[in-house]
Amino acid sequence: MSKGILSRALRAERGGIVVRAIAAAALAAMACGVHAQTIQELYDAARAYDATYLGALAQYDSAQYRLEQSRALLRPQVGLAANATRTEYDLPILDRRRSNNTGAQVNASQPLYNRQSSVTITQSERAYEVAAYDLQAAEQDLIVRVTQAYFDVLAAQDTLGTAQANRTSINEQLASAKRNFEVGTATITDTREAQARFDLATAQEIAANNDLLVRRIALDQLVGRTDVTPTPLKAGVDLLKIAPTNVDQWVSQTEVSPNVRRAALGYEIAQLETTKARAGHLPTVALVAAAGNANATGNYPPTQLGNSTQAQIGVQLNVPLFAGFAIQNRVKETISLEEKARNDLEAARRTVTQATRQAYFTVQSGEAQVKALEAAEASSKLALEATELGYKVGVRVNIDVLNAQTQLYTTQRDLAQARYNVIIGNLRLRQAAGTLKPEDITAVNRLVAP
C-alpha cells in the first residue's frame, strides 16, 4: 500500500475518532450547557450567600454603632431620679406620727474638656476604618475563592474530557491491535500493551469523574446553588495581561493593600492609646445642672411639710492628684505596645511586598508556560500523526502510538490548566497588591460569557 493511501486511511480513521469525540462533547454541552452560569452570576450569588463574607459585612455594620457609642462620651448626659418614702414615728410623749415624702430631680451634664474621651473617639474612628479594610479584604478573598472554585470545575471537566478521549483512542488502538494480531501482522505484545493502557485509562477516567464531582460540590457550597455548570472559556480567547508590566510598579501600589492599611491604622491607634494614657494626668471640666421638686405631707415634723423646688447649675472641675503610679505605668505599657504595632506594620509591608513579587513572577511564568504548551500541543499532534503513520508502515510499534496519544492528551490538559492558572494568578496578584476590585470579575467574565 502506498504511503499516500496509508496517510488518507489514517486521517479517515482519526477523523472518525475526532467526530465521535466532538459529538460526545456536543451532547454533553446540550445536556448541561442550557443552564450554564457565568462567573459574574456565581460571584453575585456568593456575595449574598457566603457566610465568611456576610460575617465580615455584619462586622463592618456593627463598627459604625461602636463609633457612635464612643462619640456619646462628649455629648450631654441627662438622667431622672425620683423617690417616694413613708415614715411613721411612735414617740413616748406624742401620738403616733407619720410623714410622706416624694420628689423628683433631673440631672444633666455636658463635658467641656476631657482629653481621654476625645482620644477614645479618634481611636473609634480609626477602628471603623479598620473594619472597612477588613470588609475589603473579605471581598477580595471572595473574588479569588469564587474564581478558583469556578476554574477548578472547568479544569476537572477538561481532565475528565481528556481521560475520556484518551480512553476512546486507546480503545480504538486496542481494537486495531487485536485485528492485526488475528491476521498475523502484529504480535500479542501489542494487544497486551494496548489492554494495559486501556485499563489504566479507565481508572484515570473514574478518578477524573470523582474529582469533578468533588469540585462541583465545593462550587455549589460556595455560591449556595445546586448543579452549577460554569461556562467555559471562549475558544481562542486572549488571556488577561499583566498591567503594569514592571514588578516594582506593583510593589509601589502595596501601600493601599488592606493588610498594610490595617497595620498602619493599628499603629496609629496604639499611638493614640499612649496619648490617652498620658491624659490621665489632665483635669476634666464639665457643665452640670440639676432641677427638682420635693413634696412632704403628714403630721410630723410640721416644719418640713409642704412643696419645694430647687435648681442649680455650675461647672465641675476634677483634678487627679495621685493614683498610685497607675498612670505612669500605663504610659510605659502603651509605649511598648506602640513599638509592637510599629513592628507589625513593618512586617505587614514586607509580607505584602514579598507576596506581590511572588504573585507577579508566578503569572509571568504562567504566561510563558501557556505559550510553551501551545507549541507543545501543535508538536504533539504532528508527532502523533507521524507515529501512527509509522505504525501503519511497520517502523513503529503499538506502544509508540499509545505514548504519543497520551502525550497529546496530557499536553492539552496541562494547557487548559495553565490558562486557568494565569487568570487566577492575575487576580491573586491584584489581591496581593491590594488593588483587586469587583470590576476585575467583570473583566474575567468577558473571557467566558457567551
Protein backbone atom coordinates (compact mmCIF):
# COMPACT_ATOMS: atom_id res chain seq x y z
CA MET A 1 0.00 0.00 0.00
CA SER A 2 1.42 3.39 -0.93
CA LYS A 3 2.32 5.96 1.70
CA GLY A 4 -0.33 8.38 0.35
CA ILE A 5 -3.10 5.78 0.70
CA LEU A 6 -1.93 4.98 4.21
CA SER A 7 -1.94 8.66 5.10
CA ARG A 8 -5.51 9.12 3.83
CA ALA A 9 -6.68 5.99 5.65
CA LEU A 10 -5.02 7.22 8.81
CA ARG A 11 -6.68 10.63 8.55
CA ALA A 12 -10.04 8.97 7.93
CA GLU A 13 -9.65 6.72 10.95
CA ARG A 14 -8.50 9.59 13.18
CA GLY A 15 -11.26 11.75 11.74
CA GLY A 16 -13.82 9.19 12.87
CA ILE A 17 -12.43 9.33 16.39
CA VAL A 18 -12.49 13.12 16.39
CA VAL A 19 -16.04 13.22 15.07
CA ARG A 20 -17.21 10.85 17.79
CA ALA A 21 -15.41 12.87 20.45
CA ILE A 22 -16.91 16.10 19.14
CA ALA A 23 -20.36 14.53 19.06
CA ALA A 24 -19.98 13.34 22.63
CA ALA A 25 -18.84 16.79 23.72
CA ALA A 26 -21.77 18.39 21.92
CA LEU A 27 -24.22 16.07 23.63
CA ALA A 28 -22.66 16.88 26.99
CA ALA A 29 -22.89 20.58 26.25
CA MET A 30 -26.54 20.23 25.29
CA ALA A 31 -27.23 18.33 28.47
CA CYS A 32 -25.62 20.82 30.84
CA GLY A 33 -24.93 23.98 28.89
CA VAL A 34 -28.51 25.24 28.83
CA HIS A 35 -28.29 26.33 32.44
CA ALA A 36 -24.58 27.23 32.42
CA GLN A 37 -23.68 30.18 34.64
CA THR A 38 -21.00 32.79 34.06
CA ILE A 39 -18.52 33.70 36.74
CA GLN A 40 -20.25 37.06 37.25
CA GLU A 41 -23.53 35.33 38.06
CA LEU A 42 -21.87 32.99 40.52
CA TYR A 43 -19.94 35.80 42.19
CA ASP A 44 -23.14 37.78 42.70
CA ALA A 45 -24.75 34.67 44.18
CA ALA A 46 -21.79 34.11 46.51
CA ARG A 47 -21.95 37.69 47.80
CA ALA A 48 -25.46 37.01 49.04
CA TYR A 49 -24.71 33.54 50.42
CA ASP A 50 -21.12 33.06 51.58
CA ALA A 51 -21.05 33.03 55.39
CA THR A 52 -17.49 34.34 55.68
CA TYR A 53 -18.20 37.41 53.56
CA LEU A 54 -21.56 38.08 55.20
CA GLY A 55 -19.89 37.82 58.61
CA ALA A 56 -17.35 40.47 57.60
CA LEU A 57 -20.19 42.64 56.31
CA ALA A 58 -22.04 42.33 59.62
CA GLN A 59 -18.83 43.17 61.49
CA TYR A 60 -18.45 46.29 59.38
CA ASP A 61 -22.05 47.33 60.03
CA SER A 62 -21.56 46.92 63.78
CA ALA A 63 -18.44 49.13 63.75
CA GLN A 64 -20.43 52.27 62.97
CA TYR A 65 -22.57 51.76 66.07
CA ARG A 66 -19.45 51.26 68.19
CA LEU A 67 -18.20 54.58 66.85
CA GLU A 68 -21.44 56.33 67.83
CA GLN A 69 -21.14 54.85 71.33
CA SER A 70 -17.73 56.47 71.79
CA ARG A 71 -18.98 59.81 70.46
CA ALA A 72 -21.55 59.80 73.24
CA LEU A 73 -18.71 60.43 75.70
CA LEU A 74 -18.69 64.14 74.75
CA ARG A 75 -22.43 64.52 74.38
CA PRO A 76 -24.89 65.70 77.05
CA GLN A 77 -25.98 63.16 79.64
CA VAL A 78 -29.42 63.58 81.23
CA GLY A 79 -30.95 61.46 83.99
CA LEU A 80 -34.07 61.45 86.11
CA ALA A 81 -34.11 60.44 89.78
CA ALA A 82 -37.35 60.01 91.75
CA ASN A 83 -38.18 58.86 95.27
CA ALA A 84 -41.17 58.20 97.48
CA THR A 85 -40.97 57.36 101.22
CA ARG A 86 -43.42 56.93 104.09
CA THR A 87 -42.18 57.30 107.66
CA GLU A 88 -44.08 56.54 110.88
CA TYR A 89 -42.98 57.79 114.32
CA ASP A 90 -44.01 56.16 117.63
CA LEU A 91 -42.88 58.66 120.29
CA PRO A 92 -43.36 58.18 124.06
CA ILE A 93 -44.86 61.62 124.70
CA LEU A 94 -46.73 62.05 121.44
CA ASP A 95 -49.28 60.23 119.46
CA ARG A 96 -48.14 58.16 116.53
CA ARG A 97 -46.95 60.46 113.76
CA ARG A 98 -46.32 59.93 110.08
CA SER A 99 -44.83 61.71 107.08
CA ASN A 100 -44.89 61.09 103.31
CA ASN A 101 -42.12 62.42 101.11
CA THR A 102 -41.99 62.40 97.33
CA GLY A 103 -39.54 64.03 94.98
CA ALA A 104 -38.05 64.05 91.51
CA GLN A 105 -34.88 65.57 90.13
CA VAL A 106 -33.43 65.94 86.65
CA ASN A 107 -29.62 65.89 86.43
CA ALA A 108 -27.70 66.91 83.35
CA SER A 109 -24.02 67.20 82.47
CA GLN A 110 -22.11 68.35 79.42
CA PRO A 111 -18.37 67.57 79.20
CA LEU A 112 -16.40 70.71 78.39
CA TYR A 113 -12.91 69.24 78.44
CA ASN A 114 -11.95 65.57 78.66
CA ARG A 115 -8.83 64.67 76.74
CA GLN A 116 -9.21 60.93 77.28
CA SER A 117 -12.72 60.90 75.82
CA SER A 118 -11.59 62.90 72.79
CA VAL A 119 -8.78 60.43 72.09
CA THR A 120 -11.17 57.49 72.56
CA ILE A 121 -13.44 58.92 69.86
CA THR A 122 -10.49 59.29 67.47
CA GLN A 123 -9.50 55.69 68.16
CA SER A 124 -13.03 54.53 67.37
CA GLU A 125 -12.92 56.40 64.08
CA ARG A 126 -9.71 54.56 63.18
CA ALA A 127 -11.26 51.27 64.25
CA TYR A 128 -14.16 51.98 61.91
CA GLU A 129 -11.67 52.40 59.07
CA VAL A 130 -10.07 49.09 60.08
CA ALA A 131 -13.47 47.41 59.77
CA ALA A 132 -13.82 48.88 56.28
CA TYR A 133 -10.47 47.39 55.25
CA ASP A 134 -11.47 44.07 56.81
CA LEU A 135 -14.55 44.08 54.60
CA GLN A 136 -12.46 44.97 51.56
CA ALA A 137 -10.09 42.08 52.31
CA ALA A 138 -13.05 39.71 52.71
CA GLU A 139 -14.44 40.86 49.36
CA GLN A 140 -11.10 40.31 47.65
CA ASP A 141 -10.84 36.88 49.23
CA LEU A 142 -14.34 36.02 47.99
CA ILE A 143 -13.41 37.06 44.43
CA VAL A 144 -10.40 34.75 44.46
CA ARG A 145 -12.29 31.86 46.09
CA VAL A 146 -15.13 32.03 43.59
CA THR A 147 -12.72 32.27 40.65
CA GLN A 148 -10.64 29.39 41.98
CA ALA A 149 -13.68 27.17 42.52
CA TYR A 150 -15.08 28.14 39.11
CA PHE A 151 -11.95 27.21 37.19
CA ASP A 152 -11.36 24.15 39.37
CA VAL A 153 -14.61 22.78 37.97
CA LEU A 154 -13.64 23.69 34.41
CA ALA A 155 -10.21 22.09 34.90
CA ALA A 156 -11.84 18.96 36.28
CA GLN A 157 -14.17 18.89 33.27
CA ASP A 158 -11.18 19.21 30.95
CA THR A 159 -9.37 16.43 32.80
CA LEU A 160 -12.40 14.17 32.53
CA GLY A 161 -12.83 15.01 28.85
CA THR A 162 -9.16 14.28 28.24
CA ALA A 163 -9.41 11.00 30.11
CA GLN A 164 -12.49 10.00 28.12
CA ALA A 165 -10.90 10.96 24.79
CA ASN A 166 -7.71 9.13 25.76
CA ARG A 167 -9.68 6.04 26.70
CA THR A 168 -11.61 6.18 23.42
CA SER A 169 -8.41 6.48 21.38
CA ILE A 170 -6.73 3.67 23.28
CA ASN A 171 -9.80 1.52 22.76
CA GLU A 172 -9.55 2.16 19.03
CA GLN A 173 -5.86 1.25 19.16
CA LEU A 174 -6.67 -1.87 21.17
CA ALA A 175 -9.21 -2.95 18.57
CA SER A 176 -6.68 -2.31 15.82
CA ALA A 177 -4.02 -4.33 17.64
CA LYS A 178 -6.45 -7.25 18.04
CA ARG A 179 -7.33 -7.17 14.34
CA ASN A 180 -3.67 -7.07 13.34
CA PHE A 181 -2.88 -9.96 15.67
CA GLU A 182 -5.71 -12.01 14.20
CA VAL A 183 -4.40 -11.51 10.66
CA GLY A 184 -0.84 -12.13 11.78
CA THR A 185 0.63 -8.67 11.15
CA ALA A 186 1.26 -7.89 14.86
CA THR A 187 2.33 -9.73 17.98
CA ILE A 188 0.33 -10.42 21.13
CA THR A 189 2.59 -7.86 22.86
CA ASP A 190 0.83 -5.00 21.06
CA THR A 191 -2.56 -6.25 22.23
CA ARG A 192 -1.43 -6.65 25.81
CA GLU A 193 0.21 -3.22 25.88
CA ALA A 194 -2.94 -1.63 24.50
CA GLN A 195 -5.08 -3.54 27.01
CA ALA A 196 -2.88 -2.34 29.88
CA ARG A 197 -3.13 1.25 28.69
CA PHE A 198 -6.89 0.89 28.26
CA ASP A 199 -7.29 -0.38 31.83
CA LEU A 200 -5.14 2.46 33.13
CA ALA A 201 -7.14 4.99 31.11
CA THR A 202 -10.35 3.57 32.57
CA ALA A 203 -9.02 4.03 36.09
CA GLN A 204 -7.96 7.59 35.27
CA GLU A 205 -11.40 8.35 33.91
CA ILE A 206 -13.03 7.09 37.12
CA ALA A 207 -10.69 9.25 39.21
CA ALA A 208 -11.32 12.28 37.00
CA ASN A 209 -15.07 11.81 37.25
CA ASN A 210 -14.87 11.67 41.05
CA ASP A 211 -12.65 14.77 41.16
CA LEU A 212 -15.18 16.65 39.03
CA LEU A 213 -17.94 15.67 41.44
CA VAL A 214 -15.94 16.96 44.41
CA ARG A 215 -15.15 20.24 42.63
CA ARG A 216 -18.80 20.76 41.76
CA ILE A 217 -19.84 20.20 45.37
CA ALA A 218 -17.31 22.81 46.52
CA LEU A 219 -18.58 25.36 44.00
CA ASP A 220 -22.22 24.63 44.87
CA GLN A 221 -21.44 25.14 48.55
CA LEU A 222 -19.70 28.43 47.89
CA VAL A 223 -22.48 30.03 45.82
CA GLY A 224 -25.46 28.41 47.53
CA ARG A 225 -26.82 26.66 44.45
CA THR A 226 -27.03 23.10 43.20
CA ASP A 227 -25.80 21.54 39.96
CA VAL A 228 -23.83 24.62 38.98
CA THR A 229 -22.35 24.38 35.49
CA PRO A 230 -19.68 27.01 34.75
CA THR A 231 -19.47 28.50 31.28
CA PRO A 232 -16.15 27.50 29.68
CA LEU A 233 -13.62 29.91 28.22
CA LYS A 234 -14.25 31.24 24.75
CA ALA A 235 -12.32 29.47 22.02
CA GLY A 236 -9.15 31.34 21.12
CA VAL A 237 -9.68 33.97 23.80
CA ASP A 238 -6.78 36.24 24.73
CA LEU A 239 -5.94 35.92 28.41
CA LEU A 240 -5.64 38.85 30.77
CA LYS A 241 -2.25 40.54 30.57
CA ILE A 242 -0.21 41.86 33.46
CA ALA A 243 -0.51 45.63 33.72
CA PRO A 244 1.74 47.31 34.70
CA THR A 245 4.47 45.10 33.33
CA ASN A 246 7.13 46.02 35.91
CA VAL A 247 7.20 44.28 39.29
CA ASP A 248 8.43 47.43 41.08
CA GLN A 249 5.33 49.28 39.93
CA TRP A 250 3.20 46.58 41.52
CA VAL A 251 5.20 46.79 44.74
CA SER A 252 4.74 50.56 44.82
CA GLN A 253 0.96 50.03 45.00
CA THR A 254 1.09 47.84 48.09
CA GLU A 255 0.54 50.77 50.49
CA VAL A 256 -3.16 50.59 49.57
CA SER A 257 -3.31 46.90 50.47
CA PRO A 258 -5.93 46.19 53.17
CA ASN A 259 -3.32 44.30 55.19
CA VAL A 260 -0.92 47.25 55.16
CA ARG A 261 -3.65 49.80 55.82
CA ARG A 262 -4.99 47.77 58.77
CA ALA A 263 -1.49 47.57 60.25
CA ALA A 264 -0.94 51.31 59.70
CA LEU A 265 -4.20 52.11 61.45
CA GLY A 266 -3.28 49.72 64.25
CA TYR A 267 -0.06 51.67 64.75
CA GLU A 268 -1.97 54.93 64.80
CA ILE A 269 -4.44 53.53 67.34
CA ALA A 270 -1.51 52.43 69.53
CA GLN A 271 -0.05 55.96 69.38
CA LEU A 272 -3.43 57.37 70.39
CA GLU A 273 -3.55 54.92 73.29
CA THR A 274 -0.29 56.41 74.58
CA THR A 275 -1.76 59.89 74.24
CA LYS A 276 -4.85 58.78 76.15
CA ALA A 277 -2.74 57.24 78.91
CA ARG A 278 -0.79 60.48 79.36
CA ALA A 279 -4.09 62.37 79.51
CA GLY A 280 -4.75 60.62 82.81
CA HIS A 281 -2.75 63.43 84.46
CA LEU A 282 -5.00 66.11 82.96
CA PRO A 283 -8.06 67.64 84.63
CA THR A 284 -11.59 67.24 83.32
CA VAL A 285 -14.20 70.00 83.16
CA ALA A 286 -17.95 69.54 82.82
CA LEU A 287 -21.04 71.73 82.95
CA VAL A 288 -23.55 70.29 85.42
CA ALA A 289 -27.16 71.25 86.14
CA ALA A 290 -30.00 69.89 88.23
CA ALA A 291 -33.64 70.78 88.84
CA GLY A 292 -36.06 69.06 91.21
CA ASN A 293 -39.26 69.13 93.18
CA ALA A 294 -39.98 67.70 96.64
CA ASN A 295 -43.30 67.31 98.49
CA ALA A 296 -43.85 66.35 102.13
CA THR A 297 -47.21 65.54 103.77
CA GLY A 298 -48.22 64.19 107.19
CA ASN A 299 -48.27 65.48 110.73
CA TYR A 300 -44.61 65.24 111.73
CA PRO A 301 -42.39 67.16 111.81
CA PRO A 302 -44.58 70.15 111.00
CA THR A 303 -41.76 72.45 109.97
CA GLN A 304 -40.83 70.23 106.99
CA LEU A 305 -44.26 69.84 105.41
CA GLY A 306 -45.18 71.32 102.05
CA ASN A 307 -43.89 71.56 98.48
CA SER A 308 -40.46 72.82 97.45
CA THR A 309 -38.46 73.20 94.22
CA GLN A 310 -34.78 73.66 93.57
CA ALA A 311 -32.48 74.27 90.58
CA GLN A 312 -28.74 74.57 90.24
CA ILE A 313 -26.13 74.97 87.52
CA GLY A 314 -22.38 75.05 87.70
CA VAL A 315 -19.02 73.95 86.38
CA GLN A 316 -17.37 70.87 87.83
CA LEU A 317 -13.58 70.50 87.83
CA ASN A 318 -11.82 67.23 88.62
CA VAL A 319 -8.04 67.23 89.03
CA PRO A 320 -6.21 63.91 89.50
CA LEU A 321 -3.51 64.24 92.15
CA PHE A 322 -2.16 60.76 92.80
CA ALA A 323 -3.29 57.33 91.52
CA GLY A 324 -0.63 55.07 92.99
CA PHE A 325 1.65 55.33 89.92
CA ALA A 326 -1.03 53.65 87.80
CA ILE A 327 -0.94 56.37 85.14
CA GLN A 328 2.85 56.35 84.83
CA ASN A 329 2.94 52.58 84.41
CA ARG A 330 0.07 52.67 81.94
CA VAL A 331 2.06 55.15 79.81
CA LYS A 332 5.10 52.84 79.84
CA GLU A 333 2.88 49.91 78.82
CA THR A 334 1.33 51.75 75.87
CA ILE A 335 4.76 52.89 74.65
CA SER A 336 5.83 49.24 74.46
CA LEU A 337 2.60 48.31 72.68
CA GLU A 338 3.16 51.21 70.29
CA GLU A 339 6.57 49.76 69.39
CA LYS A 340 4.93 46.38 68.79
CA ALA A 341 2.36 47.98 66.46
CA ARG A 342 5.16 49.73 64.55
CA ASN A 343 6.93 46.40 64.01
CA ASP A 344 3.65 44.78 62.99
CA LEU A 345 3.26 47.47 60.33
CA GLU A 346 6.77 46.84 59.02
CA ALA A 347 6.13 43.09 58.96
CA ALA A 348 2.88 43.63 57.04
CA ARG A 349 4.69 45.75 54.45
CA ARG A 350 7.39 43.16 53.98
CA THR A 351 4.90 40.30 53.74
CA VAL A 352 2.73 42.10 51.19
CA THR A 353 5.79 43.09 49.15
CA GLN A 354 7.06 39.53 49.09
CA ALA A 355 3.63 38.12 48.20
CA THR A 356 3.26 40.67 45.39
CA ARG A 357 6.63 39.83 43.89
CA GLN A 358 5.93 36.10 44.08
CA ALA A 359 2.49 36.52 42.52
CA TYR A 360 3.92 38.68 39.72
CA PHE A 361 6.59 36.19 38.72
CA THR A 362 4.10 33.32 39.03
CA VAL A 363 1.81 34.98 36.50
CA GLN A 364 4.73 35.86 34.28
CA SER A 365 5.90 32.24 34.36
CA GLY A 366 2.35 31.07 33.71
CA GLU A 367 2.07 33.20 30.58
CA ALA A 368 5.32 31.72 29.26
CA GLN A 369 4.08 28.25 30.13
CA VAL A 370 0.88 28.78 28.15
CA LYS A 371 2.88 29.75 25.07
CA ALA A 372 5.18 26.76 25.51
CA LEU A 373 2.28 24.35 25.93
CA GLU A 374 0.54 25.77 22.87
CA ALA A 375 3.67 24.98 20.89
CA ALA A 376 3.89 21.58 22.57
CA GLU A 377 0.28 20.82 21.65
CA ALA A 378 0.96 21.54 17.97
CA SER A 379 4.13 19.43 18.09
CA SER A 380 2.35 16.59 19.88
CA LYS A 381 -0.34 16.49 17.21
CA LEU A 382 2.28 16.24 14.48
CA ALA A 383 4.19 13.63 16.48
CA LEU A 384 1.06 11.52 16.88
CA GLU A 385 0.29 11.69 13.19
CA ALA A 386 3.84 10.67 12.33
CA THR A 387 3.84 7.84 14.87
CA GLU A 388 0.54 6.47 13.66
CA LEU A 389 1.82 6.58 10.10
CA GLY A 390 4.99 4.81 11.16
CA TYR A 391 2.93 2.17 12.89
CA LYS A 392 0.93 1.60 9.71
CA VAL A 393 4.04 1.07 7.63
CA GLY A 394 5.73 -1.08 10.29
CA VAL A 395 8.52 1.19 11.52
CA ARG A 396 6.80 1.96 14.85
CA VAL A 397 5.19 -0.35 17.39
CA ASN A 398 1.87 -0.05 19.16
CA ILE A 399 3.39 1.29 22.38
CA ASP A 400 4.80 4.25 20.45
CA VAL A 401 1.32 5.19 19.29
CA LEU A 402 -0.07 4.85 22.79
CA ASN A 403 2.70 7.04 24.20
CA ALA A 404 2.11 9.69 21.54
CA GLN A 405 -1.62 9.71 22.24
CA THR A 406 -1.06 10.03 25.97
CA GLN A 407 1.43 12.84 25.42
CA LEU A 408 -1.05 14.79 23.28
CA TYR A 409 -3.93 14.48 25.73
CA THR A 410 -1.71 15.26 28.70
CA THR A 411 -0.42 18.38 26.92
CA GLN A 412 -3.94 19.53 26.12
CA ARG A 413 -4.99 19.04 29.74
CA ASP A 414 -1.94 20.90 31.03
CA LEU A 415 -2.55 23.73 28.55
CA ALA A 416 -6.10 24.24 29.76
CA GLN A 417 -4.94 24.21 33.38
CA ALA A 418 -2.17 26.67 32.60
CA ARG A 419 -4.68 29.10 31.07
CA TYR A 420 -6.85 28.89 34.17
CA ASN A 421 -3.80 29.41 36.38
CA VAL A 422 -2.89 32.59 34.51
CA ILE A 423 -6.37 34.02 35.03
CA ILE A 424 -6.44 33.11 38.71
CA GLY A 425 -2.84 34.22 39.18
CA ASN A 426 -3.66 37.63 37.73
CA LEU A 427 -6.39 38.06 40.33
CA ARG A 428 -4.12 36.80 43.10
CA LEU A 429 -1.51 39.35 42.05
CA ARG A 430 -4.05 42.14 42.37
CA GLN A 431 -5.16 40.73 45.71
CA ALA A 432 -1.57 40.64 46.99
CA ALA A 433 -1.01 44.25 45.91
CA GLY A 434 -4.37 45.26 47.38
CA THR A 435 -5.83 46.56 44.11
CA LEU A 436 -8.32 43.75 43.44
CA LYS A 437 -11.87 45.06 42.90
CA PRO A 438 -15.24 43.56 41.91
CA GLU A 439 -14.76 45.13 38.48
CA ASP A 440 -11.97 42.63 37.87
CA ILE A 441 -14.58 39.86 37.93
CA THR A 442 -16.29 41.65 35.05
CA ALA A 443 -13.04 41.51 33.07
CA VAL A 444 -12.74 37.77 33.71
CA ASN A 445 -16.39 37.32 32.81
CA ARG A 446 -15.68 38.64 29.32
CA LEU A 447 -13.45 35.63 28.80
CA VAL A 448 -16.26 33.15 29.47
CA ALA A 449 -19.51 34.94 28.75
CA PRO A 450 -21.23 33.67 25.60
